[in-house]
N, C-alpha and C. Protein backbone atom coordinates (compact mmCIF):
# COMPACT_ATOMS: atom_id res chain seq x y z
N MET A 1 -14.18 5.44 23.82
CA MET A 1 -13.90 4.74 22.52
C MET A 1 -15.15 4.28 22.00
N THR A 2 -15.49 4.66 20.77
CA THR A 2 -16.72 4.11 20.09
C THR A 2 -16.56 2.68 19.61
N ASP A 3 -17.64 2.12 19.20
CA ASP A 3 -17.42 0.71 18.70
C ASP A 3 -16.68 0.63 17.39
N ASN A 4 -16.72 1.78 16.62
CA ASN A 4 -15.94 1.94 15.46
C ASN A 4 -14.51 1.91 15.67
N GLN A 5 -14.02 2.13 16.96
CA GLN A 5 -12.68 2.33 17.40
C GLN A 5 -12.38 1.22 18.44
N ARG A 6 -13.17 0.25 18.54
CA ARG A 6 -12.85 -0.76 19.66
C ARG A 6 -11.67 -1.47 19.65
N ALA A 7 -11.20 -1.90 20.85
CA ALA A 7 -9.88 -2.80 20.79
C ALA A 7 -10.38 -4.19 20.20
N ILE A 8 -9.49 -4.84 19.67
CA ILE A 8 -9.66 -6.13 19.05
C ILE A 8 -9.39 -7.16 20.24
N THR A 9 -10.16 -8.41 20.03
CA THR A 9 -9.87 -9.40 21.08
C THR A 9 -8.55 -10.13 20.72
N GLU A 10 -8.06 -10.99 21.60
CA GLU A 10 -6.90 -11.68 21.34
C GLU A 10 -7.08 -12.70 20.15
N ASN A 11 -8.23 -13.33 20.01
CA ASN A 11 -8.48 -14.22 18.80
C ASN A 11 -8.57 -13.34 17.47
N GLU A 12 -9.20 -12.30 17.54
CA GLU A 12 -9.21 -11.39 16.37
C GLU A 12 -7.86 -10.93 15.98
N ARG A 13 -7.02 -10.68 17.01
CA ARG A 13 -5.69 -10.22 16.74
C ARG A 13 -4.81 -11.51 16.09
N HIS A 14 -4.96 -12.61 16.56
CA HIS A 14 -4.31 -13.77 15.97
C HIS A 14 -4.74 -14.02 14.45
N GLN A 15 -5.99 -13.80 14.21
CA GLN A 15 -6.63 -13.95 12.89
C GLN A 15 -6.09 -12.79 12.00
N ALA A 16 -6.08 -11.51 12.54
CA ALA A 16 -5.66 -10.42 11.74
C ALA A 16 -4.03 -10.62 11.38
N ASN A 17 -3.36 -11.14 12.25
CA ASN A 17 -1.88 -11.37 12.21
C ASN A 17 -1.59 -12.23 10.97
N LEU A 18 -2.47 -13.26 10.97
CA LEU A 18 -2.31 -14.31 9.83
C LEU A 18 -2.48 -13.51 8.40
N ILE A 19 -3.42 -12.68 8.31
CA ILE A 19 -3.76 -11.87 7.24
C ILE A 19 -2.54 -10.86 6.86
N TRP A 20 -2.25 -10.24 7.96
CA TRP A 20 -1.09 -9.33 7.87
C TRP A 20 0.06 -9.77 7.26
N ASP A 21 0.63 -10.99 7.76
CA ASP A 21 1.71 -11.68 7.32
C ASP A 21 1.56 -12.13 5.80
N TYR A 22 0.36 -12.54 5.43
CA TYR A 22 0.14 -12.96 4.06
C TYR A 22 0.31 -11.73 3.07
N HIS A 23 -0.19 -10.65 3.59
CA HIS A 23 -0.29 -9.37 2.72
C HIS A 23 1.17 -8.86 2.41
N ARG A 24 2.11 -9.28 3.25
CA ARG A 24 3.48 -8.79 3.11
C ARG A 24 4.15 -9.73 2.19
N MET A 25 4.80 -9.26 1.15
CA MET A 25 5.42 -10.08 0.13
C MET A 25 6.80 -10.72 0.51
N HIS A 26 7.49 -9.96 1.62
CA HIS A 26 8.79 -10.60 2.12
C HIS A 26 9.91 -10.56 0.98
N HIS A 27 9.84 -9.49 0.17
CA HIS A 27 10.83 -9.38 -0.82
C HIS A 27 12.08 -8.90 -0.24
N ASP A 28 13.19 -9.15 -0.90
CA ASP A 28 14.45 -8.59 -0.60
C ASP A 28 14.61 -7.28 -1.21
N VAL A 29 14.64 -6.16 -0.33
CA VAL A 29 14.76 -4.91 -1.04
C VAL A 29 16.23 -4.66 -1.53
N ARG A 30 16.28 -4.14 -2.79
CA ARG A 30 17.55 -4.06 -3.46
C ARG A 30 17.42 -2.85 -4.50
N PRO A 31 18.62 -2.42 -4.95
CA PRO A 31 18.53 -1.30 -5.84
C PRO A 31 17.81 -1.47 -7.05
N VAL A 32 16.87 -0.43 -7.44
CA VAL A 32 15.96 -0.48 -8.68
C VAL A 32 16.22 0.83 -9.46
N ASP A 33 15.47 0.85 -10.62
CA ASP A 33 15.59 2.02 -11.38
C ASP A 33 14.86 3.12 -10.80
N VAL A 34 13.61 2.95 -10.28
CA VAL A 34 12.77 3.90 -9.80
C VAL A 34 12.06 3.38 -8.66
N ALA A 35 11.42 4.22 -7.82
CA ALA A 35 10.50 3.77 -6.67
C ALA A 35 9.24 4.53 -6.94
N ILE A 36 8.14 3.93 -6.49
CA ILE A 36 6.80 4.50 -6.43
C ILE A 36 6.29 4.34 -5.15
N GLY A 37 6.02 5.62 -4.40
CA GLY A 37 5.33 5.68 -3.18
C GLY A 37 3.81 5.63 -3.40
N LEU A 38 3.09 4.59 -3.03
CA LEU A 38 1.86 4.65 -3.32
C LEU A 38 0.96 5.26 -2.17
N GLY A 39 0.07 6.23 -2.60
CA GLY A 39 -0.81 7.02 -1.78
C GLY A 39 -1.66 6.15 -0.81
N SER A 40 -1.80 6.91 0.43
CA SER A 40 -2.67 6.12 1.42
C SER A 40 -2.85 7.21 2.58
N HIS A 41 -3.43 6.72 3.58
CA HIS A 41 -3.56 7.56 4.82
C HIS A 41 -2.44 7.55 5.68
N ASP A 42 -1.25 6.72 5.39
CA ASP A 42 -0.10 6.32 6.21
C ASP A 42 1.00 7.10 5.88
N LEU A 43 1.49 8.05 6.66
CA LEU A 43 2.73 8.88 6.42
C LEU A 43 3.94 7.95 6.58
N GLY A 44 3.79 6.73 6.99
CA GLY A 44 4.96 5.70 6.96
C GLY A 44 5.43 5.50 5.64
N VAL A 45 4.71 5.74 4.53
CA VAL A 45 5.09 5.49 3.23
C VAL A 45 6.19 6.49 2.77
N PRO A 46 6.06 7.87 2.90
CA PRO A 46 7.08 8.66 2.57
C PRO A 46 8.24 8.52 3.48
N VAL A 47 7.98 8.34 4.74
CA VAL A 47 9.15 8.08 5.74
C VAL A 47 10.04 6.99 5.19
N PHE A 48 9.38 5.83 4.86
CA PHE A 48 10.31 4.74 4.39
C PHE A 48 10.97 4.99 3.06
N CYS A 49 10.17 5.80 2.21
CA CYS A 49 10.81 6.11 0.90
C CYS A 49 11.99 7.06 1.07
N ALA A 50 11.92 7.85 1.98
CA ALA A 50 13.11 8.70 2.38
C ALA A 50 14.39 7.96 2.72
N GLU A 51 13.97 7.00 3.70
CA GLU A 51 15.08 6.14 4.26
C GLU A 51 15.74 5.29 3.13
N LEU A 52 14.96 4.78 2.25
CA LEU A 52 15.42 3.96 1.11
C LEU A 52 16.21 4.79 0.12
N TYR A 53 15.77 6.18 -0.09
CA TYR A 53 16.42 7.00 -0.93
C TYR A 53 17.84 7.33 -0.49
N ARG A 54 17.85 7.59 0.98
CA ARG A 54 19.03 7.96 1.45
C ARG A 54 20.08 6.60 1.56
N ALA A 55 19.50 5.43 1.42
CA ALA A 55 20.32 4.18 1.39
C ALA A 55 20.91 4.04 -0.06
N GLY A 56 20.39 4.81 -1.00
CA GLY A 56 21.00 4.77 -2.33
C GLY A 56 20.34 3.64 -3.23
N LEU A 57 19.01 3.22 -2.89
CA LEU A 57 18.39 2.17 -3.62
C LEU A 57 17.76 2.68 -5.01
N PHE A 58 17.58 3.86 -5.11
CA PHE A 58 17.16 4.50 -6.36
C PHE A 58 17.40 5.95 -6.46
N SER A 59 17.35 6.57 -7.62
CA SER A 59 17.49 8.02 -7.85
C SER A 59 16.32 8.78 -8.13
N THR A 60 15.27 8.00 -8.53
CA THR A 60 14.02 8.71 -8.97
C THR A 60 12.88 8.27 -8.09
N LEU A 61 12.00 9.00 -7.53
CA LEU A 61 10.98 8.68 -6.70
C LEU A 61 9.54 9.30 -7.20
N VAL A 62 8.57 8.58 -7.35
CA VAL A 62 7.23 9.04 -7.76
C VAL A 62 6.37 8.83 -6.54
N PHE A 63 5.66 9.99 -6.17
CA PHE A 63 4.53 9.85 -5.20
C PHE A 63 3.20 9.99 -6.05
N THR A 64 2.34 9.11 -5.72
CA THR A 64 1.13 9.05 -6.53
C THR A 64 -0.16 8.99 -5.59
N GLY A 65 -1.14 9.71 -6.03
CA GLY A 65 -2.30 9.63 -5.27
C GLY A 65 -3.16 11.00 -5.06
N GLY A 66 -4.40 10.94 -5.30
CA GLY A 66 -5.18 12.16 -5.07
C GLY A 66 -5.75 12.25 -3.63
N PRO A 67 -6.87 12.83 -3.34
CA PRO A 67 -7.43 12.87 -2.00
C PRO A 67 -7.76 11.50 -1.45
N ASN A 68 -7.34 11.12 -0.31
CA ASN A 68 -7.62 9.83 0.20
C ASN A 68 -9.11 9.52 0.40
N PRO A 69 -9.69 8.52 -0.22
CA PRO A 69 -11.19 8.16 -0.14
C PRO A 69 -11.57 7.82 1.28
N THR A 70 -10.77 7.34 2.10
CA THR A 70 -11.07 6.84 3.46
C THR A 70 -11.03 7.95 4.38
N ALA A 71 -10.11 8.81 4.34
CA ALA A 71 -9.94 10.06 5.19
C ALA A 71 -9.47 11.20 4.44
N PRO A 72 -10.37 11.86 3.68
CA PRO A 72 -10.01 13.00 2.74
C PRO A 72 -9.50 14.11 3.52
N GLU A 73 -9.82 14.25 4.73
CA GLU A 73 -9.46 15.43 5.64
C GLU A 73 -7.98 15.44 6.11
N ARG A 74 -7.36 14.07 5.98
CA ARG A 74 -6.04 13.97 6.39
C ARG A 74 -5.07 14.64 5.48
N PHE A 75 -5.26 14.38 4.19
CA PHE A 75 -4.47 15.04 3.19
C PHE A 75 -5.22 15.80 2.22
N PRO A 76 -5.81 17.05 2.47
CA PRO A 76 -6.78 17.75 1.71
C PRO A 76 -6.25 18.25 0.33
N ARG A 77 -5.00 18.25 0.16
CA ARG A 77 -4.50 18.69 -1.16
C ARG A 77 -3.97 17.23 -1.95
N GLY A 78 -4.34 16.14 -1.40
CA GLY A 78 -3.99 14.89 -1.99
C GLY A 78 -2.86 14.39 -1.57
N GLU A 79 -2.74 13.02 -1.62
CA GLU A 79 -1.84 12.14 -0.94
C GLU A 79 -0.53 12.42 -1.51
N ALA A 80 -0.21 12.42 -2.79
CA ALA A 80 1.13 12.73 -3.49
C ALA A 80 1.70 14.04 -3.08
N VAL A 81 0.85 14.99 -3.03
CA VAL A 81 1.46 16.38 -2.65
C VAL A 81 1.88 16.35 -1.20
N HIS A 82 1.18 15.83 -0.31
CA HIS A 82 1.67 15.76 1.15
C HIS A 82 2.77 14.82 1.27
N PHE A 83 2.82 13.72 0.60
CA PHE A 83 3.90 12.78 0.65
C PHE A 83 5.30 13.35 0.26
N ARG A 84 5.18 14.10 -0.85
CA ARG A 84 6.33 14.82 -1.41
C ARG A 84 6.88 15.70 -0.32
N GLU A 85 5.90 16.65 0.27
CA GLU A 85 6.42 17.70 1.19
C GLU A 85 7.10 16.94 2.44
N HIS A 86 6.49 15.87 2.85
CA HIS A 86 7.17 15.17 4.02
C HIS A 86 8.41 14.58 3.58
N ALA A 87 8.62 14.01 2.42
CA ALA A 87 9.91 13.58 1.87
C ALA A 87 10.94 14.56 1.67
N LEU A 88 10.51 15.91 1.33
CA LEU A 88 11.32 16.99 1.32
C LEU A 88 11.93 17.30 2.64
N GLU A 89 11.02 17.33 3.64
CA GLU A 89 11.37 17.50 5.14
C GLU A 89 12.42 16.51 5.49
N LEU A 90 12.34 15.32 4.93
CA LEU A 90 13.27 14.32 5.46
C LEU A 90 14.62 14.19 4.64
N GLY A 91 14.70 15.22 3.66
CA GLY A 91 15.93 15.34 3.08
C GLY A 91 16.05 14.87 1.75
N VAL A 92 14.99 14.37 1.08
CA VAL A 92 14.89 13.84 -0.42
C VAL A 92 14.93 15.18 -1.08
N PRO A 93 15.82 15.36 -2.14
CA PRO A 93 15.87 16.53 -2.90
C PRO A 93 14.76 16.51 -3.86
N ASP A 94 14.22 17.88 -4.18
CA ASP A 94 12.97 18.01 -4.95
C ASP A 94 13.23 17.53 -6.43
N THR A 95 14.69 17.51 -7.02
CA THR A 95 14.86 17.05 -8.16
C THR A 95 14.88 15.46 -8.27
N ALA A 96 14.72 14.78 -7.22
CA ALA A 96 14.58 13.34 -7.25
C ALA A 96 13.06 12.87 -7.37
N ILE A 97 12.14 13.89 -7.06
CA ILE A 97 10.78 13.51 -6.82
C ILE A 97 9.80 13.92 -8.01
N LEU A 98 9.17 13.01 -8.52
CA LEU A 98 8.00 13.35 -9.45
C LEU A 98 6.74 13.03 -8.65
N VAL A 99 5.58 13.82 -9.10
CA VAL A 99 4.30 13.76 -8.50
C VAL A 99 3.30 13.52 -9.40
N GLU A 100 2.42 12.47 -9.03
CA GLU A 100 1.31 12.06 -9.88
C GLU A 100 0.08 12.29 -8.93
N PRO A 101 -0.68 13.36 -9.13
CA PRO A 101 -1.72 13.80 -8.14
C PRO A 101 -3.23 13.35 -8.47
N ARG A 102 -3.35 12.43 -9.50
CA ARG A 102 -4.63 12.13 -10.01
C ARG A 102 -5.29 10.75 -9.54
N ALA A 103 -4.45 9.82 -9.27
CA ALA A 103 -4.86 8.55 -9.17
C ALA A 103 -5.88 8.34 -7.93
N ARG A 104 -6.85 7.51 -8.25
CA ARG A 104 -8.00 7.18 -7.29
C ARG A 104 -7.94 5.77 -6.65
N ASN A 105 -7.11 4.93 -7.38
CA ASN A 105 -7.00 3.56 -6.98
C ASN A 105 -5.61 2.98 -7.33
N THR A 106 -5.41 1.72 -7.00
CA THR A 106 -4.04 1.32 -7.15
C THR A 106 -3.64 1.01 -8.62
N GLY A 107 -4.59 0.72 -9.47
CA GLY A 107 -4.45 0.45 -10.82
C GLY A 107 -3.91 1.83 -11.38
N GLU A 108 -4.63 2.97 -11.05
CA GLU A 108 -4.39 4.15 -11.64
C GLU A 108 -2.96 4.67 -10.98
N ASN A 109 -2.72 4.41 -9.77
CA ASN A 109 -1.36 4.58 -9.09
C ASN A 109 -0.25 4.29 -9.94
N ILE A 110 -0.30 2.95 -10.38
CA ILE A 110 0.75 2.39 -11.17
C ILE A 110 0.76 2.85 -12.67
N THR A 111 -0.45 2.81 -13.26
CA THR A 111 -0.53 3.21 -14.63
C THR A 111 -0.13 4.73 -14.91
N PHE A 112 -0.78 5.60 -14.05
CA PHE A 112 -0.51 7.13 -14.10
C PHE A 112 1.02 7.34 -13.81
N SER A 113 1.57 6.64 -12.81
CA SER A 113 3.07 6.69 -12.50
C SER A 113 3.94 6.35 -13.67
N ARG A 114 3.51 5.40 -14.26
CA ARG A 114 4.32 5.01 -15.40
C ARG A 114 4.32 6.11 -16.63
N ASP A 115 3.11 6.78 -16.78
CA ASP A 115 2.94 7.84 -17.71
C ASP A 115 3.80 9.00 -17.22
N VAL A 116 3.91 9.26 -15.88
CA VAL A 116 4.62 10.48 -15.52
C VAL A 116 6.07 10.21 -15.73
N LEU A 117 6.52 8.99 -15.41
CA LEU A 117 7.90 8.53 -15.74
C LEU A 117 8.30 8.71 -17.22
N ALA A 118 7.25 8.30 -18.10
CA ALA A 118 7.58 8.27 -19.47
C ALA A 118 7.74 9.70 -19.98
N ALA A 119 6.82 10.60 -19.27
CA ALA A 119 7.00 12.11 -19.76
C ALA A 119 8.26 12.66 -19.29
N ALA A 120 8.89 12.18 -18.38
CA ALA A 120 10.23 12.63 -17.78
C ALA A 120 11.24 11.94 -18.59
N GLY A 121 10.93 10.99 -19.53
CA GLY A 121 11.99 10.36 -20.40
C GLY A 121 12.52 9.19 -19.66
N ILE A 122 11.82 8.60 -18.74
CA ILE A 122 12.35 7.44 -17.94
C ILE A 122 11.56 6.28 -18.29
N THR A 123 12.27 5.13 -18.77
CA THR A 123 11.59 3.92 -18.97
C THR A 123 12.29 2.86 -18.17
N PRO A 124 11.86 2.66 -16.97
CA PRO A 124 12.63 1.81 -16.04
C PRO A 124 12.31 0.30 -16.32
N ALA A 125 13.35 -0.60 -16.07
CA ALA A 125 13.09 -2.08 -16.07
C ALA A 125 12.86 -2.70 -14.73
N SER A 126 13.01 -1.85 -13.68
CA SER A 126 12.72 -2.43 -12.36
C SER A 126 12.08 -1.27 -11.56
N VAL A 127 11.08 -1.66 -10.60
CA VAL A 127 10.45 -0.52 -9.77
C VAL A 127 10.27 -1.13 -8.41
N LEU A 128 10.50 -0.28 -7.32
CA LEU A 128 10.20 -0.58 -5.96
C LEU A 128 8.82 0.09 -5.63
N LEU A 129 7.90 -0.86 -5.29
CA LEU A 129 6.52 -0.28 -4.87
C LEU A 129 6.64 -0.03 -3.29
N VAL A 130 6.45 1.14 -2.78
CA VAL A 130 6.55 1.31 -1.41
C VAL A 130 5.08 1.66 -0.89
N SER A 131 4.55 0.83 -0.07
CA SER A 131 3.22 1.01 0.32
C SER A 131 2.93 0.87 1.87
N MET A 132 1.66 0.91 2.28
CA MET A 132 1.41 0.43 3.64
C MET A 132 1.77 -1.18 3.69
N PRO A 133 2.06 -1.59 4.88
CA PRO A 133 2.43 -3.01 4.94
C PRO A 133 1.33 -3.94 4.45
N TYR A 134 0.04 -3.69 4.68
CA TYR A 134 -0.88 -4.67 4.13
C TYR A 134 -1.34 -4.40 2.84
N MET A 135 -0.72 -3.59 2.11
CA MET A 135 -1.11 -3.21 0.67
C MET A 135 -0.10 -3.77 -0.32
N GLU A 136 0.96 -4.52 0.31
CA GLU A 136 2.17 -4.91 -0.63
C GLU A 136 1.56 -6.00 -1.70
N ARG A 137 0.80 -7.04 -1.28
CA ARG A 137 0.39 -8.03 -2.02
C ARG A 137 -0.59 -7.57 -3.09
N ARG A 138 -1.42 -6.73 -2.83
CA ARG A 138 -2.44 -6.14 -3.83
C ARG A 138 -1.67 -5.29 -4.75
N SER A 139 -0.73 -4.53 -4.28
CA SER A 139 0.00 -3.65 -5.21
C SER A 139 0.82 -4.40 -6.21
N PHE A 140 1.42 -5.61 -5.63
CA PHE A 140 2.19 -6.43 -6.51
C PHE A 140 1.30 -7.06 -7.57
N ALA A 141 0.24 -7.67 -7.18
CA ALA A 141 -0.69 -8.24 -8.11
C ALA A 141 -1.22 -7.38 -9.15
N THR A 142 -1.40 -6.09 -8.72
CA THR A 142 -2.04 -5.13 -9.64
C THR A 142 -0.85 -4.73 -10.66
N ALA A 143 0.39 -4.34 -10.18
CA ALA A 143 1.42 -4.13 -11.10
C ALA A 143 1.77 -5.17 -12.11
N ARG A 144 1.70 -6.48 -11.65
CA ARG A 144 1.94 -7.57 -12.63
C ARG A 144 0.87 -7.54 -13.69
N LYS A 145 -0.37 -7.06 -13.38
CA LYS A 145 -1.26 -7.07 -14.41
C LYS A 145 -1.17 -5.88 -15.45
N VAL A 146 -1.05 -4.67 -14.80
CA VAL A 146 -1.00 -3.48 -15.66
C VAL A 146 0.29 -3.17 -16.24
N TRP A 147 1.35 -3.56 -15.66
CA TRP A 147 2.72 -3.32 -16.07
C TRP A 147 3.62 -4.45 -16.05
N PRO A 148 3.23 -5.55 -17.02
CA PRO A 148 3.72 -6.86 -16.93
C PRO A 148 5.32 -6.99 -17.13
N GLU A 149 5.69 -6.04 -18.04
CA GLU A 149 6.97 -6.09 -18.53
C GLU A 149 8.11 -5.65 -17.49
N ILE A 150 7.56 -5.02 -16.30
CA ILE A 150 8.70 -4.43 -15.52
C ILE A 150 8.76 -5.43 -14.24
N GLU A 151 10.02 -5.42 -13.69
CA GLU A 151 10.35 -6.19 -12.55
C GLU A 151 9.93 -5.45 -11.28
N VAL A 152 9.15 -6.09 -10.49
CA VAL A 152 8.43 -5.40 -9.25
C VAL A 152 9.04 -5.96 -7.98
N VAL A 153 9.42 -5.07 -7.10
CA VAL A 153 9.86 -5.36 -5.85
C VAL A 153 8.94 -4.54 -4.89
N CYS A 154 8.39 -5.10 -3.82
CA CYS A 154 7.46 -4.49 -2.83
C CYS A 154 8.16 -4.26 -1.47
N ALA A 155 7.82 -3.17 -0.90
CA ALA A 155 8.44 -2.93 0.39
C ALA A 155 7.57 -2.02 1.16
N SER A 156 7.67 -2.20 2.54
CA SER A 156 6.93 -1.12 3.44
C SER A 156 7.78 -1.22 4.73
N GLN A 157 7.31 -0.20 5.54
CA GLN A 157 7.96 -0.12 6.84
C GLN A 157 8.12 -1.47 7.53
N PRO A 158 9.25 -1.92 8.12
CA PRO A 158 9.42 -3.10 8.74
C PRO A 158 8.92 -3.19 10.09
N LEU A 159 7.64 -3.09 10.36
CA LEU A 159 6.87 -3.12 11.52
C LEU A 159 6.20 -4.35 11.72
N GLU A 160 6.16 -4.94 13.05
CA GLU A 160 5.29 -5.99 13.52
C GLU A 160 3.84 -5.54 13.58
N PHE A 161 2.86 -6.45 13.43
CA PHE A 161 1.53 -6.11 13.43
C PHE A 161 1.14 -5.26 14.70
N ASP A 162 1.56 -5.70 15.79
CA ASP A 162 1.13 -4.94 17.03
C ASP A 162 1.72 -3.44 17.01
N ASP A 163 2.99 -3.31 16.53
CA ASP A 163 3.58 -1.95 16.46
C ASP A 163 2.80 -1.16 15.33
N TYR A 164 2.40 -1.71 14.36
CA TYR A 164 1.62 -1.00 13.39
C TYR A 164 0.32 -0.52 13.93
N LEU A 165 -0.40 -1.36 14.69
CA LEU A 165 -1.67 -1.00 15.34
C LEU A 165 -1.36 0.26 16.29
N LYS A 166 -0.32 0.11 17.07
CA LYS A 166 -0.05 1.26 17.94
C LYS A 166 0.23 2.69 17.10
N SER A 167 0.85 2.42 16.04
CA SER A 167 1.25 3.61 15.21
C SER A 167 0.05 4.22 14.58
N ILE A 168 -0.97 3.52 14.24
CA ILE A 168 -2.13 4.09 13.63
C ILE A 168 -3.12 4.53 14.74
N GLY A 169 -3.28 3.73 15.79
CA GLY A 169 -4.13 4.26 16.82
C GLY A 169 -5.61 3.83 16.84
N ASP A 170 -5.97 2.94 15.74
CA ASP A 170 -7.33 2.57 15.57
C ASP A 170 -7.27 1.12 15.06
N GLU A 171 -7.47 0.27 16.07
CA GLU A 171 -7.39 -1.19 15.91
C GLU A 171 -8.41 -1.69 14.86
N LYS A 172 -9.62 -1.33 15.09
CA LYS A 172 -10.71 -1.76 14.20
C LYS A 172 -10.51 -1.31 12.83
N MET A 173 -10.18 -0.15 12.57
CA MET A 173 -9.91 0.45 11.27
C MET A 173 -8.85 -0.32 10.52
N VAL A 174 -7.71 -0.65 11.20
CA VAL A 174 -6.70 -1.45 10.58
C VAL A 174 -7.15 -2.83 10.11
N VAL A 175 -7.97 -3.52 11.01
CA VAL A 175 -8.25 -4.83 10.75
C VAL A 175 -9.34 -4.90 9.69
N ASP A 176 -10.26 -3.75 9.66
CA ASP A 176 -11.17 -3.62 8.55
C ASP A 176 -10.36 -3.44 7.14
N MET A 177 -9.34 -2.64 7.22
CA MET A 177 -8.42 -2.50 5.97
C MET A 177 -7.78 -3.71 5.41
N LEU A 178 -7.23 -4.53 6.61
CA LEU A 178 -6.55 -5.83 6.20
C LEU A 178 -7.63 -6.70 5.44
N VAL A 179 -8.90 -6.86 6.08
CA VAL A 179 -9.83 -7.67 5.51
C VAL A 179 -10.28 -7.08 4.14
N GLY A 180 -10.46 -5.90 4.07
CA GLY A 180 -10.88 -5.45 2.69
C GLY A 180 -9.97 -5.54 1.72
N ASP A 181 -8.54 -5.45 1.90
CA ASP A 181 -7.57 -5.60 0.89
C ASP A 181 -7.39 -7.07 0.54
N LEU A 182 -7.75 -8.16 1.50
CA LEU A 182 -7.67 -9.47 1.16
C LEU A 182 -8.95 -9.84 0.19
N GLN A 183 -9.98 -9.29 0.46
CA GLN A 183 -11.20 -9.49 -0.42
C GLN A 183 -10.70 -8.98 -1.90
N ARG A 184 -9.99 -7.90 -1.94
CA ARG A 184 -9.65 -7.46 -3.29
C ARG A 184 -8.61 -8.33 -3.94
N VAL A 185 -7.71 -8.84 -3.08
CA VAL A 185 -6.73 -9.74 -3.55
C VAL A 185 -7.51 -11.05 -4.14
N ILE A 186 -8.51 -11.49 -3.65
CA ILE A 186 -9.27 -12.60 -4.02
C ILE A 186 -10.21 -12.14 -5.23
N GLU A 187 -10.83 -11.00 -5.14
CA GLU A 187 -11.86 -10.72 -6.21
C GLU A 187 -11.30 -10.06 -7.48
N TYR A 188 -10.31 -9.15 -7.27
CA TYR A 188 -9.75 -8.29 -8.36
C TYR A 188 -9.30 -9.10 -9.62
N PRO A 189 -8.65 -10.34 -9.44
CA PRO A 189 -8.47 -11.04 -10.60
C PRO A 189 -9.48 -11.32 -11.70
N LYS A 190 -10.66 -11.56 -10.99
CA LYS A 190 -11.93 -12.03 -11.85
C LYS A 190 -12.34 -10.80 -12.49
N LEU A 191 -12.03 -9.67 -12.04
CA LEU A 191 -12.57 -8.43 -12.70
C LEU A 191 -11.33 -7.95 -13.69
N GLY A 192 -10.29 -8.65 -13.77
CA GLY A 192 -9.27 -8.16 -14.68
C GLY A 192 -8.34 -7.05 -14.02
N PHE A 193 -8.43 -6.70 -12.87
CA PHE A 193 -7.65 -5.68 -12.43
C PHE A 193 -6.27 -6.32 -11.76
N ALA A 194 -6.00 -7.46 -11.62
CA ALA A 194 -4.76 -7.99 -10.97
C ALA A 194 -4.54 -9.36 -11.15
N ILE A 195 -3.41 -9.87 -11.15
CA ILE A 195 -3.16 -11.29 -11.33
C ILE A 195 -3.59 -12.09 -10.07
N ALA A 196 -3.88 -13.34 -10.22
CA ALA A 196 -4.39 -14.17 -9.24
C ALA A 196 -3.28 -14.44 -8.22
N GLN A 197 -3.58 -14.62 -6.86
CA GLN A 197 -2.62 -14.95 -5.90
C GLN A 197 -3.23 -16.24 -5.15
N ASP A 198 -2.44 -17.19 -4.87
CA ASP A 198 -2.79 -18.28 -3.92
C ASP A 198 -3.12 -17.71 -2.54
N VAL A 199 -4.32 -18.08 -1.92
CA VAL A 199 -4.61 -17.70 -0.58
C VAL A 199 -4.62 -18.93 0.21
N PRO A 200 -3.69 -19.14 1.24
CA PRO A 200 -3.65 -20.40 2.07
C PRO A 200 -4.93 -20.55 2.80
N GLU A 201 -5.29 -21.73 3.18
CA GLU A 201 -6.55 -22.19 3.88
C GLU A 201 -6.61 -21.33 5.18
N ASP A 202 -5.62 -21.24 6.05
CA ASP A 202 -5.64 -20.63 7.22
C ASP A 202 -6.16 -19.17 7.28
N VAL A 203 -5.44 -18.45 6.13
CA VAL A 203 -5.62 -17.06 5.97
C VAL A 203 -7.02 -16.83 5.45
N HIS A 204 -7.71 -17.69 4.62
CA HIS A 204 -8.91 -17.54 4.07
C HIS A 204 -9.96 -17.80 5.31
N ALA A 205 -9.71 -18.76 6.17
CA ALA A 205 -10.53 -18.95 7.31
C ALA A 205 -10.48 -17.79 8.30
N ALA A 206 -9.36 -17.22 8.39
CA ALA A 206 -9.32 -16.13 9.21
C ALA A 206 -10.20 -14.83 8.66
N TYR A 207 -10.09 -14.62 7.47
CA TYR A 207 -10.88 -13.70 6.62
C TYR A 207 -12.28 -13.80 6.92
N GLN A 208 -12.85 -15.17 6.74
CA GLN A 208 -14.09 -15.41 6.86
C GLN A 208 -14.62 -15.25 8.28
N SER A 209 -13.88 -15.52 9.25
CA SER A 209 -14.13 -15.39 10.78
C SER A 209 -14.21 -13.91 11.12
N LEU A 210 -13.31 -12.98 10.55
CA LEU A 210 -13.42 -11.56 10.78
C LEU A 210 -14.53 -10.95 10.20
N VAL A 211 -14.90 -11.24 9.09
CA VAL A 211 -16.07 -10.77 8.29
C VAL A 211 -17.37 -11.06 9.16
N ALA A 212 -17.37 -12.35 9.77
CA ALA A 212 -18.57 -12.87 10.47
C ALA A 212 -18.78 -11.98 11.66
N VAL A 213 -17.75 -11.49 12.23
CA VAL A 213 -17.92 -10.69 13.48
C VAL A 213 -17.90 -9.17 13.34
N GLY A 214 -17.95 -8.70 12.00
CA GLY A 214 -18.25 -7.46 11.74
C GLY A 214 -17.08 -6.57 11.24
N PHE A 215 -16.03 -7.30 10.75
CA PHE A 215 -15.05 -6.37 10.12
C PHE A 215 -15.27 -6.36 8.68
N ASP A 216 -16.24 -5.53 8.32
CA ASP A 216 -16.79 -5.64 6.92
C ASP A 216 -16.99 -4.22 6.22
N VAL A 217 -16.37 -3.10 7.03
CA VAL A 217 -16.64 -1.85 6.60
C VAL A 217 -15.95 -1.64 5.18
N ARG A 218 -14.77 -2.19 4.93
CA ARG A 218 -14.09 -2.05 3.67
C ARG A 218 -14.36 -2.98 2.54
N LEU A 219 -15.36 -3.90 2.82
CA LEU A 219 -15.70 -4.85 1.80
C LEU A 219 -16.23 -4.24 0.53
N LEU A 220 -16.01 -4.79 -0.61
CA LEU A 220 -16.69 -4.40 -1.85
C LEU A 220 -18.11 -4.84 -1.75
N LYS A 221 -18.99 -4.04 -2.14
CA LYS A 221 -20.50 -4.26 -2.21
C LYS A 221 -20.83 -4.91 -3.42
N ALA A 222 -21.73 -5.88 -3.27
CA ALA A 222 -22.23 -6.79 -4.41
C ALA A 222 -23.01 -5.87 -5.37
């Protein structure tokens, strides 16, 4: 195991778990007009989208995302294309899926998905954003900024932090991503990309502590 893939300590695990829980919005998942599966390196997104589709929570599903910037080799034809194929394998009908293959960030995920829906004659009043667990809060804050008129519900696979670590297999990468997403939750409102979110003191302290010991790979550069 390289240092880039090292196991995290118990103290780091505790701090990361605080941030993990903060990132999750804990929304009640309910029927909505459409769902958007946000592109990422995590196939748990289309898996959970398929589960929610089978549960009858929506009739239209958009997958959005181009090549993954963190791991482009994982989905060489783009996140949305691979997510669609995985959802088809899990029984979601092709007629229920729209694909948005160009987005490079969360703002584009949501804005371009809205455009794809409009082109299909769909103007939803409510949307379910399905993402990686630690991306829920940032996707919510972004959607409220760029699509303020729509009602937003966020969801992700209902995994505990330790179970998610095992499913990904790279503890340091996951914590780096948690830390990077929290920095974006803090900084993006100042740049006009998202609405502001309150960050509890213990969560902010955990963030600072993890940055100080080297979980900084995903931080925005000054």
